[in-house]
Amino acid sequence: MRLDVGCGLNKDTPESVPQGDVNCDLQKPLAKISNFVLCDAQHLPFKDKTFSFVYSSHVIEHVDNPFLMLKELIRVANSKVLIRTPHRLLLKGYCRVKFGNKSPAQHRCHFDKKWFVKALRSLGIVQDFKVEYSDFKCLPHYFVPLIKVPAELKVEIRLGKKLEIGTREHLTVKTCKWTFGLAPRGQQL
């Protein structure tokens, strides 16, 4: 079975079409979604290792504690987890053009490869994951490209039977302060 965490409001766009056999979000959808569960991604109401595939696209940057969400996605999966999130460089470039260098209020965190690698290793996942850039964009504009930056991070985690999620309490602090994947001065990631 597949779980889509943060399945969207279903505005009939290809990005917001639910991908799972079970679909969940924090807000009620605008249209009827089959097997919809209203829940928080940081506290999923499912038993451990219930789903063979857990998918979350552009959700982790909106939650108060992304480490807790990551931990929950891994807890309910028994085979594979796929997470997609905007890359911090594209978000900064986009915000500079669109919002006058201010981050949109709904984006609480910015991520890079380093954050995911450290978080996954702290959970005991050392080898069975891949963090890669995808969907490169030109800034400041498509017609006058000065640089190409990754638009998105794609995190793929393959889970084995013997994986047990470790707990490192210092990672459960509010990571919205962790800009660019680094912990605030004096705190350990």
N, C-alpha and C. Protein backbone atom coordinates (compact mmCIF):
# COMPACT_ATOMS: atom_id res chain seq x y z
N MET A 1 0.83 -1.19 0.00
CA MET A 1 0.00 0.00 0.00
C MET A 1 0.88 1.26 0.00
N ARG A 2 0.36 2.30 -0.62
CA ARG A 2 1.08 3.58 -0.72
C ARG A 2 0.38 4.63 0.14
N LEU A 3 1.20 5.45 0.81
CA LEU A 3 0.68 6.56 1.60
C LEU A 3 1.20 7.86 1.02
N ASP A 4 0.31 8.82 0.76
CA ASP A 4 0.68 10.15 0.30
C ASP A 4 0.45 11.12 1.46
N VAL A 5 1.54 11.62 2.03
CA VAL A 5 1.46 12.54 3.17
C VAL A 5 1.49 13.96 2.64
N GLY A 6 0.44 14.72 2.96
CA GLY A 6 0.32 16.07 2.43
C GLY A 6 -0.17 16.03 1.01
N CYS A 7 -1.25 15.29 0.79
CA CYS A 7 -1.73 15.03 -0.58
C CYS A 7 -2.25 16.27 -1.28
N GLY A 8 -2.43 17.37 -0.57
CA GLY A 8 -2.85 18.61 -1.22
C GLY A 8 -4.34 18.82 -1.15
N LEU A 9 -4.74 19.97 -1.60
CA LEU A 9 -6.15 20.34 -1.57
C LEU A 9 -6.89 19.88 -2.81
N ASN A 10 -6.17 19.23 -3.74
CA ASN A 10 -6.76 18.66 -4.95
C ASN A 10 -7.43 19.73 -5.80
N LYS A 11 -6.61 20.66 -6.32
CA LYS A 11 -7.11 21.75 -7.16
C LYS A 11 -7.10 21.37 -8.64
N ASP A 12 -7.11 20.09 -8.93
CA ASP A 12 -7.11 19.57 -10.30
C ASP A 12 -5.87 19.96 -11.09
N THR A 13 -4.74 20.09 -10.42
CA THR A 13 -3.47 20.28 -11.09
C THR A 13 -2.69 18.98 -10.94
N PRO A 14 -1.82 18.65 -11.88
CA PRO A 14 -1.10 17.38 -11.82
C PRO A 14 -0.28 17.21 -10.53
N GLU A 15 0.24 18.33 -9.98
CA GLU A 15 1.06 18.23 -8.78
C GLU A 15 0.25 17.86 -7.55
N SER A 16 -1.04 18.20 -7.55
CA SER A 16 -1.83 17.98 -6.35
C SER A 16 -2.75 16.76 -6.43
N VAL A 17 -2.61 15.95 -7.44
CA VAL A 17 -3.40 14.73 -7.52
C VAL A 17 -2.83 13.73 -6.52
N PRO A 18 -3.65 13.22 -5.61
CA PRO A 18 -3.15 12.27 -4.60
C PRO A 18 -2.50 11.05 -5.24
N GLN A 19 -1.37 10.62 -4.65
CA GLN A 19 -0.57 9.54 -5.21
C GLN A 19 -0.75 8.21 -4.47
N GLY A 20 -1.50 8.19 -3.37
CA GLY A 20 -1.51 7.00 -2.53
C GLY A 20 -2.80 6.22 -2.51
N ASP A 21 -2.70 5.01 -1.97
CA ASP A 21 -3.90 4.22 -1.66
C ASP A 21 -4.60 4.84 -0.46
N VAL A 22 -3.78 5.43 0.43
CA VAL A 22 -4.27 6.22 1.55
C VAL A 22 -3.64 7.60 1.41
N ASN A 23 -4.45 8.65 1.55
CA ASN A 23 -3.98 10.01 1.37
C ASN A 23 -4.30 10.82 2.62
N CYS A 24 -3.33 11.61 3.08
CA CYS A 24 -3.59 12.40 4.28
C CYS A 24 -3.06 13.82 4.13
N ASP A 25 -3.70 14.73 4.87
CA ASP A 25 -3.30 16.13 4.86
C ASP A 25 -3.83 16.77 6.13
N LEU A 26 -3.30 17.93 6.45
CA LEU A 26 -3.72 18.67 7.64
C LEU A 26 -5.02 19.43 7.40
N GLN A 27 -5.34 19.70 6.14
CA GLN A 27 -6.55 20.42 5.80
C GLN A 27 -7.48 19.54 4.97
N LYS A 28 -8.77 19.81 5.08
CA LYS A 28 -9.74 19.06 4.30
C LYS A 28 -9.59 19.42 2.83
N PRO A 29 -9.70 18.44 1.94
CA PRO A 29 -9.57 18.71 0.50
C PRO A 29 -10.79 19.44 -0.05
N LEU A 30 -10.59 20.13 -1.18
CA LEU A 30 -11.68 20.84 -1.82
C LEU A 30 -12.62 19.86 -2.54
N ALA A 31 -12.05 18.81 -3.07
CA ALA A 31 -12.84 17.78 -3.76
C ALA A 31 -12.68 16.47 -2.99
N LYS A 32 -13.54 15.54 -3.26
CA LYS A 32 -13.49 14.26 -2.57
C LYS A 32 -12.25 13.48 -2.99
N ILE A 33 -11.52 12.98 -2.00
CA ILE A 33 -10.33 12.16 -2.23
C ILE A 33 -10.59 10.80 -1.60
N SER A 34 -10.32 9.75 -2.35
CA SER A 34 -10.56 8.41 -1.80
C SER A 34 -9.57 8.10 -0.68
N ASN A 35 -10.06 7.44 0.33
CA ASN A 35 -9.27 7.02 1.49
C ASN A 35 -8.50 8.18 2.11
N PHE A 36 -9.18 9.28 2.35
CA PHE A 36 -8.55 10.47 2.93
C PHE A 36 -8.58 10.41 4.44
N VAL A 37 -7.43 10.77 5.07
CA VAL A 37 -7.32 10.83 6.52
C VAL A 37 -6.84 12.24 6.89
N LEU A 38 -7.57 12.90 7.76
CA LEU A 38 -7.20 14.22 8.24
C LEU A 38 -6.22 14.05 9.41
N CYS A 39 -4.96 14.44 9.22
CA CYS A 39 -3.96 14.24 10.27
C CYS A 39 -2.76 15.15 10.05
N ASP A 40 -1.91 15.22 11.07
CA ASP A 40 -0.68 16.00 11.06
C ASP A 40 0.47 15.09 10.62
N ALA A 41 1.32 15.56 9.73
CA ALA A 41 2.44 14.76 9.23
C ALA A 41 3.48 14.47 10.31
N GLN A 42 3.45 15.24 11.38
CA GLN A 42 4.40 15.03 12.48
C GLN A 42 3.91 13.98 13.48
N HIS A 43 2.63 13.58 13.36
CA HIS A 43 2.03 12.59 14.25
C HIS A 43 1.06 11.75 13.44
N LEU A 44 1.58 10.84 12.63
CA LEU A 44 0.73 10.04 11.74
C LEU A 44 -0.02 8.97 12.54
N PRO A 45 -1.32 8.81 12.31
CA PRO A 45 -2.14 7.88 13.09
C PRO A 45 -2.14 6.45 12.53
N PHE A 46 -0.98 5.96 12.12
CA PHE A 46 -0.88 4.63 11.54
C PHE A 46 0.10 3.79 12.34
N LYS A 47 -0.07 2.48 12.27
CA LYS A 47 0.84 1.56 12.96
C LYS A 47 2.20 1.55 12.27
N ASP A 48 3.21 1.12 12.98
CA ASP A 48 4.56 1.00 12.43
C ASP A 48 4.57 0.07 11.23
N LYS A 49 5.34 0.44 10.21
CA LYS A 49 5.57 -0.36 9.00
C LYS A 49 4.28 -0.80 8.32
N THR A 50 3.33 0.10 8.21
CA THR A 50 2.04 -0.21 7.58
C THR A 50 2.10 -0.13 6.07
N PHE A 51 2.90 0.79 5.52
CA PHE A 51 2.88 1.07 4.09
C PHE A 51 4.19 0.65 3.42
N SER A 52 4.08 0.09 2.22
CA SER A 52 5.29 -0.30 1.49
C SER A 52 5.98 0.93 0.89
N PHE A 53 5.21 1.97 0.58
CA PHE A 53 5.77 3.17 -0.03
C PHE A 53 5.11 4.40 0.60
N VAL A 54 5.94 5.32 1.10
CA VAL A 54 5.44 6.57 1.68
C VAL A 54 5.99 7.72 0.84
N TYR A 55 5.11 8.60 0.39
CA TYR A 55 5.48 9.70 -0.50
C TYR A 55 5.05 11.03 0.12
N SER A 56 5.92 12.02 0.05
CA SER A 56 5.59 13.36 0.53
C SER A 56 6.26 14.38 -0.38
N SER A 57 5.46 15.22 -1.00
CA SER A 57 5.99 16.20 -1.94
C SER A 57 5.69 17.62 -1.45
N HIS A 58 6.74 18.39 -1.21
CA HIS A 58 6.65 19.80 -0.83
C HIS A 58 5.78 20.00 0.41
N VAL A 59 6.08 19.22 1.44
CA VAL A 59 5.36 19.31 2.70
C VAL A 59 6.32 19.61 3.86
N ILE A 60 7.47 18.98 3.86
CA ILE A 60 8.38 19.05 5.01
C ILE A 60 8.83 20.47 5.33
N GLU A 61 8.86 21.35 4.35
CA GLU A 61 9.27 22.74 4.60
C GLU A 61 8.18 23.56 5.28
N HIS A 62 6.98 22.99 5.42
CA HIS A 62 5.86 23.70 6.03
C HIS A 62 5.64 23.34 7.50
N VAL A 63 6.25 22.28 7.99
CA VAL A 63 5.97 21.82 9.36
C VAL A 63 6.90 22.48 10.37
N ASP A 64 6.47 22.50 11.64
CA ASP A 64 7.27 23.09 12.71
C ASP A 64 8.54 22.29 13.00
N ASN A 65 8.44 20.97 12.93
CA ASN A 65 9.57 20.12 13.27
C ASN A 65 9.81 19.09 12.16
N PRO A 66 10.59 19.43 11.14
CA PRO A 66 10.79 18.52 10.02
C PRO A 66 11.48 17.21 10.41
N PHE A 67 12.31 17.24 11.44
CA PHE A 67 12.95 16.00 11.88
C PHE A 67 11.91 15.01 12.39
N LEU A 68 10.93 15.50 13.14
CA LEU A 68 9.85 14.65 13.64
C LEU A 68 9.03 14.08 12.48
N MET A 69 8.77 14.89 11.47
CA MET A 69 8.03 14.41 10.30
C MET A 69 8.83 13.32 9.58
N LEU A 70 10.13 13.56 9.39
CA LEU A 70 10.99 12.56 8.75
C LEU A 70 10.94 11.24 9.52
N LYS A 71 11.03 11.33 10.82
CA LYS A 71 10.98 10.15 11.68
C LYS A 71 9.65 9.40 11.54
N GLU A 72 8.55 10.15 11.46
CA GLU A 72 7.23 9.54 11.29
C GLU A 72 7.08 8.86 9.93
N LEU A 73 7.58 9.49 8.88
CA LEU A 73 7.51 8.87 7.55
C LEU A 73 8.25 7.54 7.53
N ILE A 74 9.41 7.51 8.17
CA ILE A 74 10.20 6.28 8.23
C ILE A 74 9.51 5.25 9.11
N ARG A 75 8.88 5.68 10.18
CA ARG A 75 8.22 4.76 11.11
C ARG A 75 7.09 3.99 10.43
N VAL A 76 6.28 4.67 9.61
CA VAL A 76 5.11 4.00 9.02
C VAL A 76 5.44 3.25 7.73
N ALA A 77 6.66 3.41 7.22
CA ALA A 77 7.07 2.74 5.97
C ALA A 77 7.77 1.43 6.29
N ASN A 78 7.59 0.44 5.41
CA ASN A 78 8.32 -0.82 5.59
C ASN A 78 9.28 -1.10 4.44
N SER A 79 9.25 -0.27 3.40
CA SER A 79 10.12 -0.53 2.27
C SER A 79 10.82 0.72 1.73
N LYS A 80 10.03 1.76 1.39
CA LYS A 80 10.62 2.92 0.72
C LYS A 80 9.91 4.21 1.12
N VAL A 81 10.70 5.29 1.26
CA VAL A 81 10.17 6.63 1.52
C VAL A 81 10.75 7.56 0.45
N LEU A 82 9.89 8.41 -0.13
CA LEU A 82 10.33 9.40 -1.11
C LEU A 82 9.83 10.77 -0.66
N ILE A 83 10.78 11.71 -0.48
CA ILE A 83 10.46 13.06 -0.04
C ILE A 83 10.98 14.03 -1.09
N ARG A 84 10.15 14.99 -1.46
CA ARG A 84 10.56 16.05 -2.39
C ARG A 84 10.33 17.39 -1.69
N THR A 85 11.30 18.29 -1.81
CA THR A 85 11.19 19.59 -1.17
C THR A 85 11.95 20.62 -2.00
N PRO A 86 11.54 21.88 -1.95
CA PRO A 86 12.28 22.91 -2.69
C PRO A 86 13.69 23.06 -2.15
N HIS A 87 14.64 23.28 -3.03
CA HIS A 87 16.02 23.52 -2.60
C HIS A 87 16.14 24.95 -2.09
N ARG A 88 16.99 25.16 -1.11
CA ARG A 88 17.12 26.46 -0.46
C ARG A 88 17.59 27.55 -1.43
N LEU A 89 18.45 27.22 -2.39
CA LEU A 89 18.96 28.24 -3.30
C LEU A 89 17.87 28.75 -4.24
N LEU A 90 17.05 27.86 -4.76
CA LEU A 90 15.97 28.31 -5.63
C LEU A 90 14.97 29.13 -4.83
N LEU A 91 14.68 28.68 -3.63
CA LEU A 91 13.73 29.40 -2.81
C LEU A 91 14.21 30.82 -2.54
N LYS A 92 15.50 30.98 -2.23
CA LYS A 92 16.04 32.33 -1.97
C LYS A 92 15.97 33.19 -3.24
N GLY A 93 16.33 32.62 -4.39
CA GLY A 93 16.27 33.37 -5.64
C GLY A 93 14.85 33.73 -6.01
N TYR A 94 13.95 32.79 -5.82
CA TYR A 94 12.54 33.02 -6.12
C TYR A 94 11.97 34.10 -5.19
N CYS A 95 12.33 34.01 -3.91
CA CYS A 95 11.82 34.99 -2.95
C CYS A 95 12.35 36.38 -3.23
N ARG A 96 13.59 36.47 -3.69
CA ARG A 96 14.18 37.78 -3.98
C ARG A 96 13.39 38.46 -5.10
N VAL A 97 13.01 37.68 -6.12
CA VAL A 97 12.28 38.24 -7.25
C VAL A 97 10.81 38.48 -6.88
N LYS A 98 10.19 37.51 -6.21
CA LYS A 98 8.75 37.53 -5.98
C LYS A 98 8.33 38.29 -4.73
N PHE A 99 9.11 38.16 -3.64
CA PHE A 99 8.67 38.71 -2.36
C PHE A 99 9.63 39.75 -1.78
N GLY A 100 10.56 40.27 -2.57
CA GLY A 100 11.49 41.25 -2.06
C GLY A 100 12.43 40.68 -1.02
N ASN A 101 12.95 39.47 -1.28
CA ASN A 101 13.90 38.77 -0.41
C ASN A 101 13.30 38.31 0.91
N LYS A 102 11.98 38.19 1.01
CA LYS A 102 11.34 37.64 2.21
C LYS A 102 10.80 36.27 1.87
N SER A 103 10.98 35.34 2.77
CA SER A 103 10.49 33.99 2.56
C SER A 103 8.97 33.96 2.72
N PRO A 104 8.28 33.15 1.90
CA PRO A 104 6.84 33.04 2.10
C PRO A 104 6.55 32.54 3.51
N ALA A 105 5.51 33.05 4.14
CA ALA A 105 5.22 32.74 5.54
C ALA A 105 4.99 31.26 5.77
N GLN A 106 4.46 30.56 4.78
CA GLN A 106 4.16 29.16 4.98
C GLN A 106 5.40 28.26 4.93
N HIS A 107 6.51 28.75 4.41
CA HIS A 107 7.75 27.97 4.39
C HIS A 107 8.52 28.26 5.66
N ARG A 108 8.60 27.27 6.52
CA ARG A 108 9.25 27.47 7.82
C ARG A 108 10.71 27.05 7.81
N CYS A 109 11.10 26.22 6.86
CA CYS A 109 12.47 25.71 6.84
C CYS A 109 12.99 25.70 5.40
N HIS A 110 14.31 25.75 5.28
CA HIS A 110 14.99 25.62 3.99
C HIS A 110 15.96 24.46 4.12
N PHE A 111 16.06 23.64 3.08
CA PHE A 111 16.86 22.43 3.17
C PHE A 111 17.93 22.36 2.11
N ASP A 112 18.99 21.64 2.43
CA ASP A 112 20.00 21.26 1.46
C ASP A 112 20.36 19.80 1.75
N LYS A 113 21.27 19.25 0.96
CA LYS A 113 21.66 17.84 1.12
C LYS A 113 22.18 17.55 2.52
N LYS A 114 22.97 18.47 3.05
CA LYS A 114 23.63 18.25 4.34
C LYS A 114 22.63 17.99 5.46
N TRP A 115 21.51 18.71 5.47
CA TRP A 115 20.52 18.52 6.53
C TRP A 115 19.96 17.10 6.51
N PHE A 116 19.58 16.63 5.31
CA PHE A 116 19.00 15.29 5.21
C PHE A 116 20.02 14.21 5.54
N VAL A 117 21.24 14.37 5.10
CA VAL A 117 22.27 13.37 5.39
C VAL A 117 22.49 13.26 6.90
N LYS A 118 22.62 14.39 7.58
CA LYS A 118 22.82 14.37 9.04
C LYS A 118 21.61 13.80 9.76
N ALA A 119 20.42 14.19 9.35
CA ALA A 119 19.21 13.71 10.01
C ALA A 119 19.05 12.20 9.83
N LEU A 120 19.27 11.71 8.61
CA LEU A 120 19.12 10.28 8.36
C LEU A 120 20.18 9.46 9.10
N ARG A 121 21.40 9.96 9.14
CA ARG A 121 22.45 9.24 9.88
C ARG A 121 22.15 9.22 11.37
N SER A 122 21.58 10.27 11.90
CA SER A 122 21.24 10.28 13.32
C SER A 122 20.12 9.29 13.64
N LEU A 123 19.33 8.93 12.64
CA LEU A 123 18.28 7.92 12.81
C LEU A 123 18.79 6.50 12.58
N GLY A 124 20.07 6.36 12.29
CA GLY A 124 20.64 5.04 12.08
C GLY A 124 20.62 4.57 10.64
N ILE A 125 20.21 5.43 9.73
CA ILE A 125 20.20 5.08 8.31
C ILE A 125 21.50 5.61 7.73
N VAL A 126 22.42 4.70 7.44
CA VAL A 126 23.75 5.12 7.03
C VAL A 126 23.97 4.97 5.54
N GLN A 127 23.48 3.89 4.95
CA GLN A 127 23.80 3.62 3.54
C GLN A 127 22.61 3.60 2.61
N ASP A 128 21.46 3.23 3.08
CA ASP A 128 20.33 2.98 2.20
C ASP A 128 19.49 4.22 1.92
N PHE A 129 20.13 5.29 1.50
CA PHE A 129 19.39 6.47 1.11
C PHE A 129 20.15 7.22 0.03
N LYS A 130 19.41 8.06 -0.70
CA LYS A 130 19.99 8.86 -1.77
C LYS A 130 19.35 10.24 -1.70
N VAL A 131 20.19 11.28 -1.63
CA VAL A 131 19.71 12.66 -1.64
C VAL A 131 20.31 13.30 -2.88
N GLU A 132 19.45 13.76 -3.77
CA GLU A 132 19.95 14.33 -5.03
C GLU A 132 19.16 15.56 -5.43
N TYR A 133 19.81 16.38 -6.25
CA TYR A 133 19.16 17.56 -6.79
C TYR A 133 18.36 17.14 -8.03
N SER A 134 17.26 17.84 -8.26
CA SER A 134 16.49 17.57 -9.47
C SER A 134 15.85 18.86 -9.96
N ASP A 135 15.45 18.84 -11.20
CA ASP A 135 14.69 19.93 -11.82
C ASP A 135 15.42 21.27 -11.69
N PHE A 136 16.49 21.45 -12.43
CA PHE A 136 17.28 22.68 -12.37
C PHE A 136 16.55 23.83 -13.06
N LYS A 137 16.66 25.03 -12.48
CA LYS A 137 16.02 26.23 -13.01
C LYS A 137 17.08 27.30 -13.26
N CYS A 138 16.76 28.20 -14.19
CA CYS A 138 17.66 29.31 -14.49
C CYS A 138 17.20 30.56 -13.74
N LEU A 139 18.15 31.26 -13.14
CA LEU A 139 17.86 32.51 -12.46
C LEU A 139 18.66 33.63 -13.09
N PRO A 140 18.20 34.83 -13.12
CA PRO A 140 16.95 35.30 -12.55
C PRO A 140 15.74 35.06 -13.43
N HIS A 141 15.93 34.67 -14.69
CA HIS A 141 14.80 34.49 -15.58
C HIS A 141 15.16 33.44 -16.63
N TYR A 142 14.16 32.78 -17.19
CA TYR A 142 14.41 31.77 -18.21
C TYR A 142 15.06 32.34 -19.48
N PHE A 143 14.71 33.59 -19.83
CA PHE A 143 15.21 34.17 -21.06
C PHE A 143 16.60 34.80 -20.90
N VAL A 144 16.97 35.15 -19.68
CA VAL A 144 18.28 35.72 -19.40
C VAL A 144 18.92 34.89 -18.27
N PRO A 145 19.29 33.64 -18.57
CA PRO A 145 19.82 32.79 -17.50
C PRO A 145 21.25 33.18 -17.11
N LEU A 146 21.45 33.50 -15.86
CA LEU A 146 22.79 33.78 -15.37
C LEU A 146 23.40 32.55 -14.71
N ILE A 147 22.59 31.87 -13.92
CA ILE A 147 23.05 30.65 -13.26
C ILE A 147 21.92 29.62 -13.27
N LYS A 148 22.31 28.37 -13.14
CA LYS A 148 21.33 27.29 -13.00
C LYS A 148 21.42 26.79 -11.57
N VAL A 149 20.28 26.73 -10.89
CA VAL A 149 20.24 26.23 -9.52
C VAL A 149 19.25 25.09 -9.43
N PRO A 150 19.49 24.16 -8.50
CA PRO A 150 18.53 23.07 -8.35
C PRO A 150 17.22 23.60 -7.78
N ALA A 151 16.12 23.18 -8.33
CA ALA A 151 14.82 23.62 -7.87
C ALA A 151 14.33 22.76 -6.72
N GLU A 152 14.82 21.54 -6.65
CA GLU A 152 14.22 20.59 -5.73
C GLU A 152 15.26 19.60 -5.22
N LEU A 153 15.03 19.14 -4.00
CA LEU A 153 15.78 18.02 -3.44
C LEU A 153 14.89 16.80 -3.45
N LYS A 154 15.43 15.69 -3.85
CA LYS A 154 14.70 14.44 -3.86
C LYS A 154 15.43 13.49 -2.91
N VAL A 155 14.73 13.01 -1.89
CA VAL A 155 15.32 12.12 -0.89
C VAL A 155 14.62 10.77 -1.00
N GLU A 156 15.41 9.74 -1.29
CA GLU A 156 14.87 8.39 -1.42
C GLU A 156 15.51 7.52 -0.36
N ILE A 157 14.68 6.87 0.45
CA ILE A 157 15.17 6.03 1.55
C ILE A 157 14.64 4.62 1.35
N ARG A 158 15.55 3.66 1.34
CA ARG A 158 15.16 2.25 1.26
C ARG A 158 15.36 1.63 2.63
N LEU A 159 14.31 1.04 3.14
CA LEU A 159 14.34 0.51 4.49
C LEU A 159 14.55 -1.00 4.49
N GLY A 160 15.37 -1.46 5.41
CA GLY A 160 15.60 -2.89 5.58
C GLY A 160 14.79 -3.42 6.74
N LYS A 161 14.79 -4.73 6.92
CA LYS A 161 14.00 -5.35 7.98
C LYS A 161 14.55 -5.07 9.37
N LYS A 162 15.85 -4.87 9.48
CA LYS A 162 16.47 -4.73 10.79
C LYS A 162 16.59 -3.28 11.25
N LEU A 163 16.07 -2.34 10.49
CA LEU A 163 16.22 -0.93 10.84
C LEU A 163 15.38 -0.60 12.07
N GLU A 164 16.01 0.00 13.04
CA GLU A 164 15.30 0.53 14.19
C GLU A 164 15.62 2.02 14.27
N ILE A 165 14.60 2.81 14.45
CA ILE A 165 14.81 4.25 14.49
C ILE A 165 15.37 4.63 15.84
N GLY A 166 16.53 5.26 15.82
CA GLY A 166 17.15 5.73 17.05
C GLY A 166 16.55 7.06 17.45
N THR A 167 16.80 7.47 18.67
CA THR A 167 16.31 8.76 19.12
C THR A 167 17.48 9.60 19.60
N ARG A 168 17.56 10.80 19.08
CA ARG A 168 18.55 11.77 19.53
C ARG A 168 17.78 13.04 19.82
N GLU A 169 17.46 13.23 21.07
CA GLU A 169 16.54 14.29 21.46
C GLU A 169 16.98 15.69 21.03
N HIS A 170 18.28 15.93 20.91
CA HIS A 170 18.70 17.27 20.54
C HIS A 170 18.28 17.64 19.12
N LEU A 171 17.86 16.68 18.32
CA LEU A 171 17.41 16.97 16.96
C LEU A 171 15.93 17.35 16.91
N THR A 172 15.23 17.19 18.03
CA THR A 172 13.80 17.49 18.01
C THR A 172 13.49 18.94 18.35
N VAL A 173 14.51 19.78 18.48
CA VAL A 173 14.25 21.20 18.70
C VAL A 173 13.59 21.76 17.44
N LYS A 174 12.95 22.89 17.55
CA LYS A 174 12.28 23.47 16.39
C LYS A 174 13.30 23.80 15.32
N THR A 175 13.28 23.06 14.23
CA THR A 175 14.28 23.24 13.20
C THR A 175 13.95 24.37 12.24
N CYS A 176 12.85 25.07 12.49
CA CYS A 176 12.58 26.21 11.62
C CYS A 176 13.68 27.26 11.78
N LYS A 177 14.46 27.18 12.84
CA LYS A 177 15.58 28.08 13.03
C LYS A 177 16.81 27.59 12.27
N TRP A 178 16.77 26.39 11.75
CA TRP A 178 17.92 25.79 11.09
C TRP A 178 17.94 26.19 9.63
N THR A 179 18.33 27.37 9.35
CA THR A 179 18.39 27.86 7.98
C THR A 179 19.58 27.23 7.26
N PHE A 180 19.37 26.81 6.05
CA PHE A 180 20.39 26.21 5.18
C PHE A 180 20.97 24.93 5.76
N GLY A 181 20.19 24.21 6.59
CA GLY A 181 20.62 22.90 7.06
C GLY A 181 21.61 22.94 8.20
N LEU A 182 21.85 24.09 8.80
CA LEU A 182 22.80 24.17 9.89
C LEU A 182 22.07 24.52 11.17
N ALA A 183 22.47 23.89 12.28
CA ALA A 183 21.87 24.19 13.56
C ALA A 183 22.34 25.55 14.04
N PRO A 184 21.53 26.22 14.85
CA PRO A 184 21.96 27.50 15.40
C PRO A 184 23.24 27.33 16.22
N ARG A 185 23.99 28.40 16.37
CA ARG A 185 25.24 28.36 17.10
C ARG A 185 24.98 27.80 18.51
N GLY A 186 25.81 26.85 18.91
CA GLY A 186 25.69 26.27 20.24
C GLY A 186 24.82 25.03 20.29
N GLN A 187 24.09 24.71 19.19
CA GLN A 187 23.26 23.52 19.18
C GLN A 187 23.85 22.53 18.20
N GLN A 188 23.72 21.26 18.52
CA GLN A 188 24.32 20.20 17.70
C GLN A 188 23.26 19.60 16.80
N LEU A 189 23.63 19.32 15.56
CA LEU A 189 22.71 18.66 14.63
C LEU A 189 22.95 17.18 14.67
